[in-house]
C-alpha atoms as a PDB file:
ATOM      1  CA  MET A   1     127.856 135.511  92.189  1.00  0.00           C
ATOM      2  CA  PRO A   2     130.136 136.392  95.151  1.00  0.00           C
ATOM      3  CA  THR A   3     128.192 134.296  97.645  1.00  0.00           C
ATOM      4  CA  VAL A   4     128.893 131.142  95.666  1.00  0.00           C
ATOM      5  CA  ALA A   5     132.604 131.885  95.517  1.00  0.00           C
ATOM      6  CA  HIS A   6     132.668 132.679  99.231  1.00  0.00           C
ATOM      7  CA  SER A   7     131.021 129.390 100.119  1.00  0.00           C
ATOM      8  CA  GLN A   8     133.402 127.422  97.908  1.00  0.00           C
ATOM      9  CA  ARG A   9     136.377 129.220  99.415  1.00  0.00           C
ATOM     10  CA  GLN A  10     135.290 128.457 102.976  1.00  0.00           C
ATOM     11  CA  ASP A  11     134.904 124.753 102.261  1.00  0.00           C
ATOM     12  CA  PHE A  12     138.183 124.593 100.373  1.00  0.00           C
ATOM     13  CA  SER A  13     140.108 126.435 103.098  1.00  0.00           C
ATOM     14  CA  LEU A  14     139.196 123.812 105.684  1.00  0.00           C
ATOM     15  CA  LYS A  15     140.180 120.910 103.415  1.00  0.00           C
ATOM     16  CA  LEU A  16     143.409 122.623 102.430  1.00  0.00           C
ATOM     17  CA  ALA A  17     144.372 123.353 106.038  1.00  0.00           C
ATOM     18  CA  LEU A  18     143.859 119.734 107.067  1.00  0.00           C
ATOM     19  CA  GLY A  19     145.715 118.586 103.962  1.00  0.00           C
ATOM     20  CA  TRP A  20     148.807 120.524 104.974  1.00  0.00           C
ATOM     21  CA  LEU A  21     149.017 118.602 108.227  1.00  0.00           C
ATOM     22  CA  ASN A  22     150.893 115.343 108.510  1.00  0.00           C
ATOM     23  CA  PRO A  23     148.466 112.388 108.490  1.00  0.00           C
ATOM     24  CA  GLY A  24     148.850 111.735 112.214  1.00  0.00           C
ATOM     25  CA  PHE A  25     148.397 115.398 113.077  1.00  0.00           C
ATOM     26  CA  GLY A  26     145.408 115.715 110.757  1.00  0.00           C
ATOM     27  CA  HIS A  27     143.671 112.891 112.594  1.00  0.00           C
ATOM     28  CA  GLU A  28     144.512 114.497 115.917  1.00  0.00           C
ATOM     29  CA  VAL A  29     143.110 117.855 114.800  1.00  0.00           C
ATOM     30  CA  GLU A  30     139.892 116.222 113.681  1.00  0.00           C
ATOM     31  CA  GLU A  31     139.586 114.512 117.054  1.00  0.00           C
ATOM     32  CA  THR A  32     140.227 117.814 118.834  1.00  0.00           C
ATOM     33  CA  VAL A  33     137.577 119.815 116.994  1.00  0.00           C
ATOM     34  CA  ALA A  34     135.056 117.006 116.395  1.00  0.00           C
ATOM     35  CA  ASP A  35     131.634 116.901 118.023  1.00  0.00           C
ATOM     36  CA  PRO A  36     131.645 120.145 120.048  1.00  0.00           C
ATOM     37  CA  ALA A  37     128.386 119.077 121.694  1.00  0.00           C
ATOM     38  CA  VAL A  38     130.233 116.523 123.821  1.00  0.00           C
ATOM     39  CA  GLU A  39     130.614 117.925 127.327  1.00  0.00           C
ATOM     40  CA  ARG A  40     134.151 118.164 128.687  1.00  0.00           C
ATOM     41  CA  ASN A  41     135.512 119.812 131.784  1.00  0.00           C
ATOM     42  CA  ARG A  42     137.418 123.071 131.530  1.00  0.00           C
ATOM     43  CA  GLY A  43     140.819 121.437 131.935  1.00  0.00           C
ATOM     44  CA  GLU A  44     140.247 119.023 129.057  1.00  0.00           C
ATOM     45  CA  PHE A  45     138.920 121.798 126.850  1.00  0.00           C
ATOM     46  CA  VAL A  46     141.891 124.092 127.508  1.00  0.00           C
ATOM     47  CA  ALA A  47     144.306 121.194 126.964  1.00  0.00           C
ATOM     48  CA  SER A  48     142.683 120.537 123.565  1.00  0.00           C
ATOM     49  CA  LEU A  49     143.060 124.199 122.629  1.00  0.00           C
ATOM     50  CA  ASP A  50     146.725 124.187 123.599  1.00  0.00           C
ATOM     51  CA  ARG A  51     147.368 121.036 121.585  1.00  0.00           C
ATOM     52  CA  LEU A  52     145.582 122.524 118.559  1.00  0.00           C
ATOM     53  CA  VAL A  53     147.739 125.646 118.801  1.00  0.00           C
ATOM     54  CA  GLU A  54     150.844 123.478 119.033  1.00  0.00           C
ATOM     55  CA  LEU A  55     149.828 121.541 115.928  1.00  0.00           C
ATOM     56  CA  ILE A  56     149.212 124.706 113.926  1.00  0.00           C
ATOM     57  CA  ARG A  57     152.479 126.291 115.026  1.00  0.00           C
ATOM     58  CA  GLU A  58     154.683 123.217 114.566  1.00  0.00           C
ATOM     59  CA  ASP A  59     153.164 121.572 111.519  1.00  0.00           C
ATOM     60  CA  LEU A  60     151.905 124.602 109.594  1.00  0.00           C
ATOM     61  CA  ASP A  61     154.493 127.054 110.924  1.00  0.00           C
ATOM     62  CA  ARG A  62     151.749 129.635 111.400  1.00  0.00           C
ATOM     63  CA  VAL A  63     150.495 131.782 114.259  1.00  0.00           C
ATOM     64  CA  PRO A  64     146.862 130.958 115.096  1.00  0.00           C
ATOM     65  CA  ILE A  65     144.568 133.993 115.110  1.00  0.00           C
ATOM     66  CA  VAL A  66     141.203 133.616 116.847  1.00  0.00           C
ATOM     67  CA  ILE A  67     138.494 136.070 115.765  1.00  0.00           C
ATOM     68  CA  ILE A  68     135.529 136.571 118.110  1.00  0.00           C
ATOM     69  CA  ASP A  69     132.590 138.333 116.480  1.00  0.00           C
ATOM     70  CA  ASP A  70     128.807 138.501 116.855  1.00  0.00           C
ATOM     71  CA  SER A  71     129.230 138.766 120.628  1.00  0.00           C
ATOM     72  CA  ASP A  72     126.083 140.899 120.782  1.00  0.00           C
ATOM     73  CA  ARG A  73     124.049 137.827 119.892  1.00  0.00           C
ATOM     74  CA  TRP A  74     124.691 136.329 123.334  1.00  0.00           C
ATOM     75  CA  LEU A  75     125.950 139.251 125.436  1.00  0.00           C
ATOM     76  CA  ARG A  76     123.033 141.610 124.866  1.00  0.00           C
ATOM     77  CA  LEU A  77     120.912 140.547 127.812  1.00  0.00           C
ATOM     78  CA  ASP A  78     119.134 142.456 130.557  1.00  0.00           C
ATOM     79  CA  GLY A  79     119.810 142.991 134.231  1.00  0.00           C
ATOM     80  CA  ASN A  80     122.021 140.942 136.501  1.00  0.00           C
ATOM     81  CA  LEU A  81     122.232 138.028 134.072  1.00  0.00           C
ATOM     82  CA  ARG A  82     123.913 140.260 131.493  1.00  0.00           C
ATOM     83  CA  ASP A  83     126.319 141.753 134.033  1.00  0.00           C
ATOM     84  CA  SER A  84     127.298 138.309 135.296  1.00  0.00           C
ATOM     85  CA  LEU A  85     127.824 137.001 131.770  1.00  0.00           C
ATOM     86  CA  LEU A  86     129.910 140.025 130.785  1.00  0.00           C
ATOM     87  CA  ASP A  87     132.046 139.744 133.912  1.00  0.00           C
ATOM     88  CA  GLY A  88     132.635 136.042 133.300  1.00  0.00           C
ATOM     89  CA  PHE A  89     133.524 136.604 129.664  1.00  0.00           C
ATOM     90  CA  PHE A  90     135.869 139.570 130.028  1.00  0.00           C
ATOM     91  CA  VAL A  91     137.556 138.322 133.194  1.00  0.00           C
ATOM     92  CA  ASP A  92     137.613 134.521 133.085  1.00  0.00           C
ATOM     93  CA  THR A  93     137.310 133.678 129.381  1.00  0.00           C
ATOM     94  CA  CYS A  94     139.574 136.502 128.204  1.00  0.00           C
ATOM     95  CA  ARG A  95     142.155 135.514 130.793  1.00  0.00           C
ATOM     96  CA  MET A  96     142.135 131.966 129.455  1.00  0.00           C
ATOM     97  CA  LEU A  97     142.505 133.292 125.886  1.00  0.00           C
ATOM     98  CA  ALA A  98     145.310 135.671 126.885  1.00  0.00           C
ATOM     99  CA  GLU A  99     147.251 132.761 128.381  1.00  0.00           C
ATOM    100  CA  ARG A 100     147.189 130.809 125.114  1.00  0.00           C
ATOM    101  CA  ASN A 101     150.057 131.124 122.653  1.00  0.00           C
ATOM    102  CA  TRP A 102     148.059 132.760 119.886  1.00  0.00           C
ATOM    103  CA  ALA A 103     146.623 136.080 118.739  1.00  0.00           C
ATOM    104  CA  VAL A 104     143.033 137.097 119.471  1.00  0.00           C
ATOM    105  CA  ALA A 105     140.986 139.788 117.702  1.00  0.00           C
ATOM    106  CA  MET A 106     137.622 140.544 119.303  1.00  0.00           C
ATOM    107  CA  ALA A 107     134.826 142.818 118.071  1.00  0.00           C
ATOM    108  CA  ILE A 108     132.652 144.309 120.819  1.00  0.00           C
ATOM    109  CA  HIS A 109     130.154 147.135 121.162  1.00  0.00           C
ATOM    110  CA  PRO A 110     131.346 150.400 122.752  1.00  0.00           C
ATOM    111  CA  ASP A 111     128.959 150.096 125.705  1.00  0.00           C
ATOM    112  CA  TYR A 112     130.759 146.928 126.811  1.00  0.00           C
ATOM    113  CA  CYS A 113     133.893 148.999 127.460  1.00  0.00           C
ATOM    114  CA  ALA A 114     132.120 150.729 130.350  1.00  0.00           C
ATOM    115  CA  THR A 115     131.362 147.485 132.210  1.00  0.00           C
ATOM    116  CA  ARG A 116     133.238 146.388 135.314  1.00  0.00           C
ATOM    117  CA  GLY A 117     134.322 143.134 133.687  1.00  0.00           C
ATOM    118  CA  TYR A 118     135.882 144.844 130.686  1.00  0.00           C
ATOM    119  CA  ARG A 119     137.686 147.405 132.835  1.00  0.00           C
ATOM    120  CA  GLU A 120     139.056 144.623 135.020  1.00  0.00           C
ATOM    121  CA  GLY A 121     140.155 142.573 132.019  1.00  0.00           C
ATOM    122  CA  ALA A 122     141.835 145.607 130.437  1.00  0.00           C
ATOM    123  CA  GLY A 123     143.501 146.463 133.741  1.00  0.00           C
ATOM    124  CA  ASN A 124     144.928 142.939 133.935  1.00  0.00           C
ATOM    125  CA  GLY A 125     146.450 143.306 130.472  1.00  0.00           C
ATOM    126  CA  TYR A 126     144.161 140.860 128.648  1.00  0.00           C
ATOM    127  CA  PHE A 127     143.618 143.454 125.886  1.00  0.00           C
ATOM    128  CA  THR A 128     146.738 145.105 124.496  1.00  0.00           C
ATOM    129  CA  VAL A 129     145.416 147.219 121.600  1.00  0.00           C
ATOM    130  CA  GLN A 130     141.987 148.777 121.177  1.00  0.00           C
ATOM    131  CA  HIS A 131     140.672 150.258 117.946  1.00  0.00           C
ATOM    132  CA  GLY A 132     137.441 152.189 117.505  1.00  0.00           C
ATOM    133  CA  MET A 133     135.253 151.662 114.447  1.00  0.00           C
ATOM    134  CA  PRO A 134     135.314 154.873 112.347  1.00  0.00           C
ATOM    135  CA  GLN A 135     132.002 156.404 111.386  1.00  0.00           C
ATOM    136  CA  LEU A 136     131.032 156.357 107.724  1.00  0.00           C
ATOM    137  CA  GLU A 137     130.190 159.993 107.105  1.00  0.00           C
ATOM    138  CA  THR A 138     129.142 159.747 103.462  1.00  0.00           C
ATOM    139  CA  PRO A 139     127.644 157.220 101.020  1.00  0.00           C
ATOM    140  CA  ALA A 140     131.011 157.221  99.225  1.00  0.00           C
ATOM    141  CA  ALA A 141     132.692 155.735 102.309  1.00  0.00           C
ATOM    142  CA  LEU A 142     130.083 152.972 102.452  1.00  0.00           C
ATOM    143  CA  ARG A 143     130.498 152.355  98.719  1.00  0.00           C
ATOM    144  CA  GLN A 144     134.257 151.990  99.171  1.00  0.00           C
ATOM    145  CA  LEU A 145     133.718 149.469 101.961  1.00  0.00           C
ATOM    146  CA  PHE A 146     131.506 147.329  99.713  1.00  0.00           C
ATOM    147  CA  ALA A 147     133.985 147.627  96.847  1.00  0.00           C
ATOM    148  CA  VAL A 148     136.796 146.299  99.047  1.00  0.00           C
ATOM    149  CA  ARG A 149     134.658 143.407 100.333  1.00  0.00           C
ATOM    150  CA  ILE A 150     133.587 142.445  96.816  1.00  0.00           C
ATOM    151  CA  GLN A 151     137.140 142.530  95.515  1.00  0.00           C
ATOM    152  CA  SER A 152     138.372 140.421  98.432  1.00  0.00           C
ATOM    153  CA  VAL A 153     135.836 137.741  97.491  1.00  0.00           C
ATOM    154  CA  ALA A 154     137.017 137.883  93.882  1.00  0.00           C
ATOM    155  CA  GLU A 155     140.647 137.522  94.988  1.00  0.00           C
ATOM    156  CA  ALA A 156     139.730 134.563  97.187  1.00  0.00           C
ATOM    157  CA  GLU A 157     138.052 132.917  94.201  1.00  0.00           C
ATOM    158  CA  ASN A 158     141.159 133.526  92.096  1.00  0.00           C
ATOM    159  CA  GLU A 159     143.297 131.868  94.758  1.00  0.00           C
ATOM    160  CA  TYR A 160     140.863 128.953  95.008  1.00  0.00           C
ATOM    161  CA  ARG A 161     140.949 128.396  91.235  1.00  0.00           C
ATOM    162  CA  ALA A 162     144.737 128.605  91.158  1.00  0.00           C
ATOM    163  CA  LEU A 163     145.119 126.014  93.920  1.00  0.00           C
ATOM    164  CA  GLU A 164     142.352 123.752  92.605  1.00  0.00           C
ATOM    165  CA  GLN A 165     143.562 123.766  89.001  1.00  0.00           C
ATOM    166  CA  GLY A 166     147.279 124.069  89.732  1.00  0.00           C
ATOM    167  CA  VAL A 167     147.653 127.171  87.575  1.00  0.00           C
ATOM    168  CA  ASP A 168     146.980 130.858  87.972  1.00  0.00           C
ATOM    169  CA  PRO A 169     143.651 131.787  86.377  1.00  0.00           C
ATOM    170  CA  ILE A 170     144.109 133.825  83.198  1.00  0.00           C
ATOM    171  CA  PRO A 171     142.548 136.338  83.090  1.00  0.00           C
ATOM    172  CA  PRO A 172     141.837 136.712  86.830  1.00  0.00           C
ATOM    173  CA  ILE A 173     138.340 137.454  88.044  1.00  0.00           C
ATOM    174  CA  THR A 174     137.721 141.142  88.748  1.00  0.00           C
ATOM    175  CA  VAL A 175     134.404 142.425  90.052  1.00  0.00           C
ATOM    176  CA  ASP A 176     133.387 146.057  90.363  1.00  0.00           C
ATOM    177  CA  VAL A 177     130.714 147.222  92.787  1.00  0.00           C
ATOM    178  CA  VAL A 178     128.473 148.321  89.880  1.00  0.00           C
ATOM    179  CA  GLU A 179     128.419 144.706  88.703  1.00  0.00           C
ATOM    180  CA  VAL A 180     126.795 143.639  91.971  1.00  0.00           C
ATOM    181  CA  PHE A 181     124.610 146.548  93.132  1.00  0.00           C
ATOM    182  CA  GLU A 182     122.299 148.905  91.272  1.00  0.00           C
ATOM    183  CA  ASP A 183     123.460 152.508  91.071  1.00  0.00           C
ATOM    184  CA  GLY A 184     122.321 154.482  94.103  1.00  0.00           C
ATOM    185  CA  PHE A 185     122.643 151.584  96.529  1.00  0.00           C
ATOM    186  CA  ASP A 186     125.240 153.450  98.576  1.00  0.00           C
ATOM    187  CA  ALA A 187     122.952 156.431  99.228  1.00  0.00           C
ATOM    188  CA  LEU A 188     120.085 154.126 100.180  1.00  0.00           C
ATOM    189  CA  LEU A 189     122.185 151.985 102.514  1.00  0.00           C
ATOM    190  CA  HIS A 190     123.740 155.081 104.061  1.00  0.00           C
ATOM    191  CA  GLU A 191     120.238 156.266 104.972  1.00  0.00           C
ATOM    192  CA  TYR A 192     119.690 152.921 106.728  1.00  0.00           C
ATOM    193  CA  TYR A 193     123.089 153.294 108.378  1.00  0.00           C
ATOM    194  CA  GLU A 194     122.126 156.665 109.860  1.00  0.00           C
ATOM    195  CA  SER A 195     118.618 155.604 110.877  1.00  0.00           C
ATOM    196  CA  SER A 196     119.945 152.493 112.664  1.00  0.00           C
ATOM    197  CA  GLY A 197     122.249 154.532 114.884  1.00  0.00           C
ATOM    198  CA  GLN A 198     125.242 153.951 112.591  1.00  0.00           C
ATOM    199  CA  ASN A 199     124.920 150.207 113.015  1.00  0.00           C
ATOM    200  CA  LEU A 200     127.105 148.872 110.217  1.00  0.00           C
ATOM    201  CA  ARG A 201     126.199 145.272 111.027  1.00  0.00           C
ATOM    202  CA  ALA A 202     122.533 146.045 110.368  1.00  0.00           C
ATOM    203  CA  VAL A 203     123.403 147.545 106.989  1.00  0.00           C
ATOM    204  CA  LEU A 204     125.581 144.589 106.006  1.00  0.00           C
ATOM    205  CA  THR A 205     122.809 142.218 107.053  1.00  0.00           C
ATOM    206  CA  VAL A 206     120.346 144.045 104.793  1.00  0.00           C
ATOM    207  CA  ALA A 207     122.780 143.895 101.870  1.00  0.00           C
ATOM    208  CA  GLN A 208     123.504 140.208 102.447  1.00  0.00           C
ATOM    209  CA  GLN A 209     119.813 139.322 102.624  1.00  0.00           C
ATOM    210  CA  ALA A 210     119.117 141.238  99.424  1.00  0.00           C
ATOM    211  CA  LEU A 211     122.060 139.507  97.738  1.00  0.00           C
ATOM    212  CA  LEU A 212     120.816 136.063  98.755  1.00  0.00           C
ATOM    213  CA  GLU A 213     117.333 136.845  97.427  1.00  0.00           C
ATOM    214  CA  THR A 214     118.816 138.125  94.167  1.00  0.00           C
ATOM    215  CA  VAL A 215     120.852 134.933  93.725  1.00  0.00           C
ATOM    216  CA  GLY A 216     117.795 132.840  94.549  1.00  0.00           C
ATOM    217  CA  LEU A 217     115.808 134.582  91.823  1.00  0.00           C
ATOM    218  CA  GLY A 218     118.600 134.083  89.311  1.00  0.00           C
ATOM    219  CA  GLU A 219     119.078 137.821  88.816  1.00  0.00           C
ATOM    220  CA  GLU A 220     122.446 139.435  88.157  1.00  0.00           C
ATOM    221  CA  LEU A 221     122.151 142.749  90.008  1.00  0.00           C
ATOM    222  CA  VAL A 222     121.017 143.587  93.542  1.00  0.00           C
ATOM    223  CA  GLY A 223     118.394 146.271  92.970  1.00  0.00           C
ATOM    224  CA  LEU A 224     117.243 149.099  95.202  1.00  0.00           C
ATOM    225  CA  ALA A 225     113.846 147.448  95.537  1.00  0.00           C
ATOM    226  CA  SER A 226     115.495 144.292  96.887  1.00  0.00           C
ATOM    227  CA  LEU A 227     117.433 146.330  99.431  1.00  0.00           C
ATOM    228  CA  ARG A 228     114.261 148.098 100.570  1.00  0.00           C
ATOM    229  CA  ASP A 229     112.393 144.806 100.873  1.00  0.00           C
ATOM    230  CA  ALA A 230     115.258 143.269 102.857  1.00  0.00           C
ATOM    231  CA  ALA A 231     115.337 146.233 105.235  1.00  0.00           C
ATOM    232  CA  LEU A 232     111.585 146.028 105.788  1.00  0.00           C
ATOM    233  CA  GLY A 233     111.735 142.272 106.280  1.00  0.00           C
ATOM    234  CA  LEU A 234     114.533 142.482 108.837  1.00  0.00           C
ATOM    235  CA  ALA A 235     112.884 145.505 110.502  1.00  0.00           C
ATOM    236  CA  PHE A 236     116.046 146.806 112.107  1.00  0.00           C
END
Protein backbone atom coordinates (compact mmCIF):
# COMPACT_ATOMS: atom_id res chain seq x y z
CA MET A 1 0.00 0.00 0.00
CA PRO A 2 1.15 3.63 -0.53
CA THR A 3 1.66 4.31 3.16
CA VAL A 4 4.28 1.57 3.39
CA ALA A 5 6.17 2.93 0.40
CA HIS A 6 5.98 6.46 1.80
CA SER A 7 7.43 5.38 5.13
CA GLN A 8 10.25 3.46 3.46
CA ARG A 9 11.03 6.42 1.23
CA GLN A 10 11.23 8.83 4.17
CA ASP A 11 13.65 6.61 6.06
CA PHE A 12 15.76 5.98 2.98
CA SER A 13 15.93 9.67 2.05
CA LEU A 14 17.53 10.55 5.38
CA LYS A 15 20.11 7.76 5.13
CA LEU A 16 20.88 8.63 1.53
CA ALA A 17 21.33 12.33 2.30
CA LEU A 18 23.78 11.60 5.10
CA GLY A 19 25.56 9.07 2.90
CA TRP A 20 26.27 11.70 0.28
CA LEU A 21 28.16 13.80 2.80
CA ASN A 22 31.85 13.34 3.42
CA PRO A 23 32.43 11.37 6.64
CA GLY A 24 33.54 14.43 8.60
CA PHE A 25 30.60 16.49 7.38
CA GLY A 26 28.16 13.66 8.07
CA HIS A 27 29.29 13.56 11.68
CA GLU A 28 28.98 17.32 11.92
CA VAL A 29 25.45 17.26 10.50
CA GLU A 30 24.42 14.61 13.00
CA GLU A 31 25.82 16.73 15.82
CA THR A 32 23.97 19.78 14.51
CA VAL A 33 20.54 18.15 14.30
CA ALA A 34 20.90 15.71 17.22
CA ASP A 35 18.88 15.97 20.41
CA PRO A 36 16.67 19.01 19.68
CA ALA A 37 15.47 18.95 23.29
CA VAL A 38 18.80 20.35 24.48
CA GLU A 39 18.36 24.05 25.23
CA ARG A 40 20.66 26.44 23.38
CA ASN A 41 20.64 30.20 23.13
CA ARG A 42 19.45 31.89 19.96
CA GLY A 43 22.96 32.68 18.74
CA GLU A 44 24.09 29.06 18.98
CA PHE A 45 20.93 27.84 17.28
CA VAL A 46 21.26 30.27 14.36
CA ALA A 47 24.96 29.42 14.01
CA SER A 48 24.04 25.72 13.75
CA LEU A 49 21.47 26.50 11.06
CA ASP A 50 24.00 28.50 9.07
CA ARG A 51 26.57 25.72 9.32
CA LEU A 52 23.99 23.14 8.21
CA VAL A 53 23.12 25.29 5.19
CA GLU A 54 26.81 25.61 4.37
CA LEU A 55 27.27 21.85 4.54
CA ILE A 56 24.31 21.19 2.25
CA ARG A 57 25.41 23.82 -0.26
CA GLU A 58 29.10 22.90 -0.34
CA ASP A 59 29.02 19.14 0.05
CA LEU A 60 25.74 18.29 -1.70
CA ASP A 61 25.77 21.24 -4.10
CA ARG A 62 22.08 21.80 -3.39
CA VAL A 63 19.94 24.72 -2.25
CA PRO A 64 18.23 23.94 1.07
CA ILE A 65 14.45 24.43 1.00
CA VAL A 66 12.68 24.70 4.36
CA ILE A 67 8.95 23.88 4.33
CA ILE A 68 6.85 25.15 7.25
CA ASP A 69 3.43 23.51 7.47
CA ASP A 70 0.84 22.69 10.14
CA SER A 71 1.30 26.17 11.60
CA ASP A 72 -2.36 26.15 12.67
CA ARG A 73 -1.51 23.51 15.25
CA TRP A 74 0.37 26.07 17.35
CA LEU A 75 -0.76 29.45 15.98
CA ARG A 76 -4.50 28.96 16.40
CA LEU A 77 -4.82 30.39 19.89
CA ASP A 78 -7.15 32.94 21.45
CA GLY A 79 -6.74 36.53 22.55
CA ASN A 80 -3.53 38.37 23.29
CA LEU A 81 -1.46 35.19 23.49
CA ARG A 82 -2.26 34.40 19.86
CA ASP A 83 -1.53 37.95 18.70
CA SER A 84 1.80 37.97 20.52
CA LEU A 85 2.78 34.59 19.10
CA LEU A 86 1.81 35.62 15.57
CA ASP A 87 3.75 38.88 15.84
CA GLY A 88 6.83 37.06 17.12
CA PHE A 89 6.64 34.45 14.39
CA PHE A 90 6.02 36.69 11.39
CA VAL A 91 8.38 39.46 12.51
CA ASP A 92 11.23 37.86 14.46
CA THR A 93 11.29 34.25 13.26
CA CYS A 94 10.57 35.09 9.61
CA ARG A 95 13.27 37.74 9.70
CA MET A 96 15.76 35.17 10.94
CA LEU A 97 14.67 32.75 8.19
CA ALA A 98 14.86 35.46 5.51
CA GLU A 99 18.46 36.20 6.51
CA ARG A 100 19.54 32.60 5.96
CA ASN A 101 20.96 31.53 2.61
CA TRP A 102 18.15 29.16 1.70
CA ALA A 103 14.62 29.04 0.31
CA VAL A 104 11.56 28.93 2.56
CA ALA A 105 8.03 27.83 1.62
CA MET A 106 5.40 28.43 4.29
CA ALA A 107 1.74 27.38 4.35
CA ILE A 108 -0.54 29.64 6.40
CA HIS A 109 -4.26 30.27 6.75
CA PRO A 110 -5.74 33.32 4.98
CA ASP A 111 -6.80 34.97 8.25
CA TYR A 112 -3.14 35.23 9.29
CA CYS A 113 -2.54 37.62 6.37
CA ALA A 114 -4.72 40.23 8.10
CA THR A 115 -2.63 40.29 11.29
CA ARG A 116 -0.26 43.12 12.17
CA GLY A 117 2.71 40.77 12.36
CA TYR A 118 2.18 39.37 8.88
CA ARG A 119 1.68 42.82 7.36
CA GLU A 120 4.87 44.02 9.02
CA GLY A 121 6.83 40.97 7.87
CA ALA A 122 5.53 41.37 4.31
CA GLY A 123 6.32 45.08 4.38
CA ASN A 124 9.90 44.30 5.41
CA GLY A 125 10.30 41.95 2.44
CA TYR A 126 10.42 38.68 4.39
CA PHE A 127 7.86 37.17 1.97
CA THR A 128 8.56 37.63 -1.73
CA VAL A 129 5.83 35.56 -3.42
CA GLN A 130 2.36 34.73 -2.15
CA HIS A 131 0.07 32.12 -3.67
CA GLY A 132 -3.55 31.48 -2.74
CA MET A 133 -4.90 27.94 -2.51
CA PRO A 134 -7.46 27.44 -5.33
CA GLN A 135 -10.88 26.16 -4.39
CA LEU A 136 -11.85 22.69 -5.55
CA GLU A 137 -15.17 23.34 -7.24
CA THR A 138 -16.04 19.77 -8.23
CA PRO A 139 -15.40 16.19 -7.08
CA ALA A 140 -13.35 15.72 -10.27
CA ALA A 141 -10.82 18.32 -9.06
CA LEU A 142 -10.48 16.50 -5.74
CA ARG A 143 -10.12 13.18 -7.56
CA GLN A 144 -7.32 14.63 -9.68
CA LEU A 145 -5.52 15.85 -6.56
CA PHE A 146 -5.62 12.35 -5.04
CA ALA A 147 -4.48 10.80 -8.32
CA VAL A 148 -1.42 13.06 -8.41
CA ARG A 149 -0.56 12.33 -4.76
CA ILE A 150 -0.90 8.58 -5.28
CA GLN A 151 1.26 8.63 -8.39
CA SER A 152 3.93 10.69 -6.63
CA VAL A 153 4.15 8.00 -3.94
CA ALA A 154 4.47 5.33 -6.63
CA GLU A 155 7.25 7.30 -8.34
CA ALA A 156 9.06 7.72 -5.03
CA GLU A 157 8.88 3.96 -4.51
CA ASN A 158 10.27 3.39 -8.00
CA GLU A 159 13.18 5.69 -7.22
CA TYR A 160 13.76 3.97 -3.88
CA ARG A 161 13.86 0.53 -5.53
CA ALA A 162 16.21 1.76 -8.25
CA LEU A 163 18.66 3.22 -5.73
CA GLU A 164 18.37 0.30 -3.30
CA GLN A 165 18.81 -2.40 -5.93
CA GLY A 166 21.12 -0.46 -8.25
CA VAL A 167 18.85 -0.96 -11.25
CA ASP A 168 15.70 0.64 -12.58
CA PRO A 169 12.65 -1.42 -11.62
CA ILE A 170 11.13 -3.20 -14.62
CA PRO A 171 8.22 -2.78 -14.97
CA PRO A 172 7.84 0.35 -12.81
CA ILE A 173 5.09 0.57 -10.23
CA THR A 174 2.01 2.45 -11.44
CA VAL A 175 -1.01 3.02 -9.23
CA ASP A 176 -4.35 4.41 -10.33
CA VAL A 177 -6.75 6.11 -7.93
CA VAL A 178 -9.33 3.33 -8.46
CA GLU A 179 -6.80 0.86 -7.07
CA VAL A 180 -6.76 2.72 -3.76
CA PHE A 181 -10.25 4.18 -3.26
CA GLU A 182 -13.72 2.78 -3.89
CA ASP A 183 -15.65 4.42 -6.71
CA GLY A 184 -17.57 7.45 -5.48
CA PHE A 185 -14.96 8.48 -2.92
CA ASP A 186 -14.43 11.81 -4.66
CA ALA A 187 -18.09 12.83 -4.38
CA LEU A 188 -18.19 11.81 -0.72
CA LEU A 189 -14.97 13.63 0.18
CA HIS A 190 -16.09 16.70 -1.76
CA GLU A 191 -19.20 16.83 0.43
CA TYR A 192 -16.91 16.83 3.48
CA TYR A 193 -14.77 19.48 1.81
CA GLU A 194 -17.76 21.79 1.39
CA SER A 195 -19.20 21.12 4.85
CA SER A 196 -15.83 21.84 6.52
CA GLY A 197 -15.60 25.30 4.98
CA GLN A 198 -13.42 24.05 2.11
CA ASN A 199 -10.81 22.82 4.55
CA LEU A 200 -8.64 20.58 2.38
CA ARG A 201 -6.49 19.55 5.34
CA ALA A 202 -9.56 18.12 7.08
CA VAL A 203 -10.43 16.10 3.98
CA LEU A 204 -6.89 14.77 3.60
CA THR A 205 -6.86 13.83 7.28
CA VAL A 206 -10.07 11.83 6.83
CA ALA A 207 -8.63 10.04 3.80
CA GLN A 208 -5.36 9.29 5.58
CA GLN A 209 -7.13 7.91 8.64
CA ALA A 210 -9.33 5.70 6.48
CA LEU A 211 -6.26 4.51 4.57
CA LEU A 212 -4.42 3.61 7.77
CA GLU A 213 -7.44 1.66 9.04
CA THR A 214 -7.73 -0.15 5.71
CA VAL A 215 -4.06 -1.15 5.83
CA GLY A 216 -4.44 -2.26 9.44
CA LEU A 217 -7.32 -4.54 8.48
CA GLY A 218 -5.35 -6.01 5.59
CA GLU A 219 -7.86 -4.78 3.01
CA GLU A 220 -6.89 -3.63 -0.47
CA LEU A 221 -9.37 -0.81 -1.12
CA VAL A 222 -10.39 2.20 0.97
CA GLY A 223 -14.18 1.94 1.02
CA LEU A 224 -16.82 4.62 1.40
CA ALA A 225 -17.81 3.16 4.76
CA SER A 226 -14.24 3.59 6.02
CA LEU A 227 -14.22 7.21 4.89
CA ARG A 228 -17.52 7.88 6.66
CA ASP A 229 -16.29 6.22 9.85
CA ALA A 230 -13.05 8.23 9.73
CA ALA A 231 -14.97 11.48 9.27
CA LEU A 232 -17.24 10.67 12.20
CA GLY A 233 -14.31 9.65 14.37
CA LEU A 234 -12.36 12.82 13.64
CA ALA A 235 -15.53 14.93 13.97
CA PHE A 236 -14.25 17.84 11.94
